[in-house]
């Protein structure tokens, strides 16, 4: 994961992302990646539930 923190509190998923960080261009080169789970991953302590997250901005 790039710049993504996740936790579950009282069955609520909390996602924390620092919007000031950048991780370079996307594969197409059209956007700049801010955060990504880099595909679908399990939610902490809920292995049967998956998330796929991408946060980006235009170049």
C-alpha atoms as a PDB file:
ATOM      1  CA  UNK A   1       0.000   0.000   0.000  1.00  0.00           C
ATOM      2  CA  UNK A   2       1.135   3.486  -0.756  1.00  0.00           C
ATOM      3  CA  UNK A   3       0.188   6.179   1.789  1.00  0.00           C
ATOM      4  CA  UNK A   4      -2.967   4.380   3.043  1.00  0.00           C
ATOM      5  CA  UNK A   5      -3.676   3.480   6.673  1.00  0.00           C
ATOM      6  CA  UNK A   6      -6.811   1.523   7.527  1.00  0.00           C
ATOM      7  CA  UNK A   7      -8.376   0.333  10.758  1.00  0.00           C
ATOM      8  CA  UNK A   8     -11.755  -0.880  11.939  1.00  0.00           C
ATOM      9  CA  UNK A   9     -13.340   0.613  15.062  1.00  0.00           C
ATOM     10  CA  UNK A  10     -16.802  -0.535  16.164  1.00  0.00           C
ATOM     11  CA  UNK A  11     -17.374  -2.043  12.693  1.00  0.00           C
ATOM     12  CA  UNK A  12     -16.561   1.297  10.996  1.00  0.00           C
ATOM     13  CA  UNK A  13     -13.718   1.341   8.465  1.00  0.00           C
ATOM     14  CA  UNK A  14     -11.416   4.314   8.973  1.00  0.00           C
ATOM     15  CA  UNK A  15      -9.102   5.243   6.107  1.00  0.00           C
ATOM     16  CA  UNK A  16      -6.286   7.730   6.638  1.00  0.00           C
ATOM     17  CA  UNK A  17      -4.441   9.292   3.677  1.00  0.00           C
ATOM     18  CA  UNK A  18      -1.932  12.157   3.662  1.00  0.00           C
ATOM     19  CA  UNK A  19      -3.097  14.242   0.695  1.00  0.00           C
ATOM     20  CA  UNK A  20       0.208  16.160   0.573  1.00  0.00           C
ATOM     21  CA  UNK A  21       2.222  13.102  -0.533  1.00  0.00           C
ATOM     22  CA  UNK A  22       2.799  12.069  -4.134  1.00  0.00           C
ATOM     23  CA  UNK A  23       4.034   8.712  -5.435  1.00  0.00           C
ATOM     24  CA  UNK A  24       4.789   9.609  -9.026  1.00  0.00           C
ATOM     25  CA  UNK A  25       2.836   9.313 -12.257  1.00  0.00           C
ATOM     26  CA  UNK A  26       0.251   6.642 -12.998  1.00  0.00           C
ATOM     27  CA  UNK A  27       1.094   4.017 -15.592  1.00  0.00           C
ATOM     28  CA  UNK A  28      -0.711   6.079 -18.250  1.00  0.00           C
ATOM     29  CA  UNK A  29       1.154   9.210 -17.195  1.00  0.00           C
ATOM     30  CA  UNK A  30      -2.061  11.246 -17.105  1.00  0.00           C
ATOM     31  CA  UNK A  31      -2.321  11.516 -13.316  1.00  0.00           C
ATOM     32  CA  UNK A  32      -0.163  11.694 -10.186  1.00  0.00           C
ATOM     33  CA  UNK A  33      -0.762   8.973  -7.589  1.00  0.00           C
ATOM     34  CA  UNK A  34      -1.421  10.238  -4.062  1.00  0.00           C
ATOM     35  CA  UNK A  35      -2.416   6.910  -2.474  1.00  0.00           C
ATOM     36  CA  UNK A  36      -3.262   3.384  -3.543  1.00  0.00           C
ATOM     37  CA  UNK A  37      -3.937  -0.043  -2.135  1.00  0.00           C
ATOM     38  CA  UNK A  38      -2.290  -1.298  -5.348  1.00  0.00           C
ATOM     39  CA  UNK A  39      -5.194  -3.602  -6.119  1.00  0.00           C
ATOM     40  CA  UNK A  40      -7.845  -5.236  -3.972  1.00  0.00           C
ATOM     41  CA  UNK A  41      -6.832  -6.118  -0.414  1.00  0.00           C
ATOM     42  CA  UNK A  42      -8.577  -7.406   2.691  1.00  0.00           C
ATOM     43  CA  UNK A  43      -9.795  -4.975   5.324  1.00  0.00           C
ATOM     44  CA  UNK A  44      -7.932  -5.400   8.649  1.00  0.00           C
ATOM     45  CA  UNK A  45      -9.533  -8.138  10.794  1.00  0.00           C
ATOM     46  CA  UNK A  46     -12.256  -8.661   8.137  1.00  0.00           C
ATOM     47  CA  UNK A  47     -10.492 -10.965   5.675  1.00  0.00           C
ATOM     48  CA  UNK A  48     -13.713 -11.703   3.762  1.00  0.00           C
ATOM     49  CA  UNK A  49     -14.233  -7.997   2.913  1.00  0.00           C
ATOM     50  CA  UNK A  50     -12.055  -6.416   0.228  1.00  0.00           C
ATOM     51  CA  UNK A  51     -11.215  -2.836  -0.762  1.00  0.00           C
ATOM     52  CA  UNK A  52      -9.508  -1.323  -3.789  1.00  0.00           C
ATOM     53  CA  UNK A  53      -8.584   2.339  -3.376  1.00  0.00           C
ATOM     54  CA  UNK A  54      -6.854   4.805  -5.706  1.00  0.00           C
ATOM     55  CA  UNK A  55      -6.482   8.518  -4.962  1.00  0.00           C
ATOM     56  CA  UNK A  56      -4.926  10.676  -7.665  1.00  0.00           C
ATOM     57  CA  UNK A  57      -4.872  14.123  -9.219  1.00  0.00           C
ATOM     58  CA  UNK A  58      -4.452  15.421 -12.730  1.00  0.00           C
ATOM     59  CA  UNK A  59      -0.940  16.295 -13.837  1.00  0.00           C
END
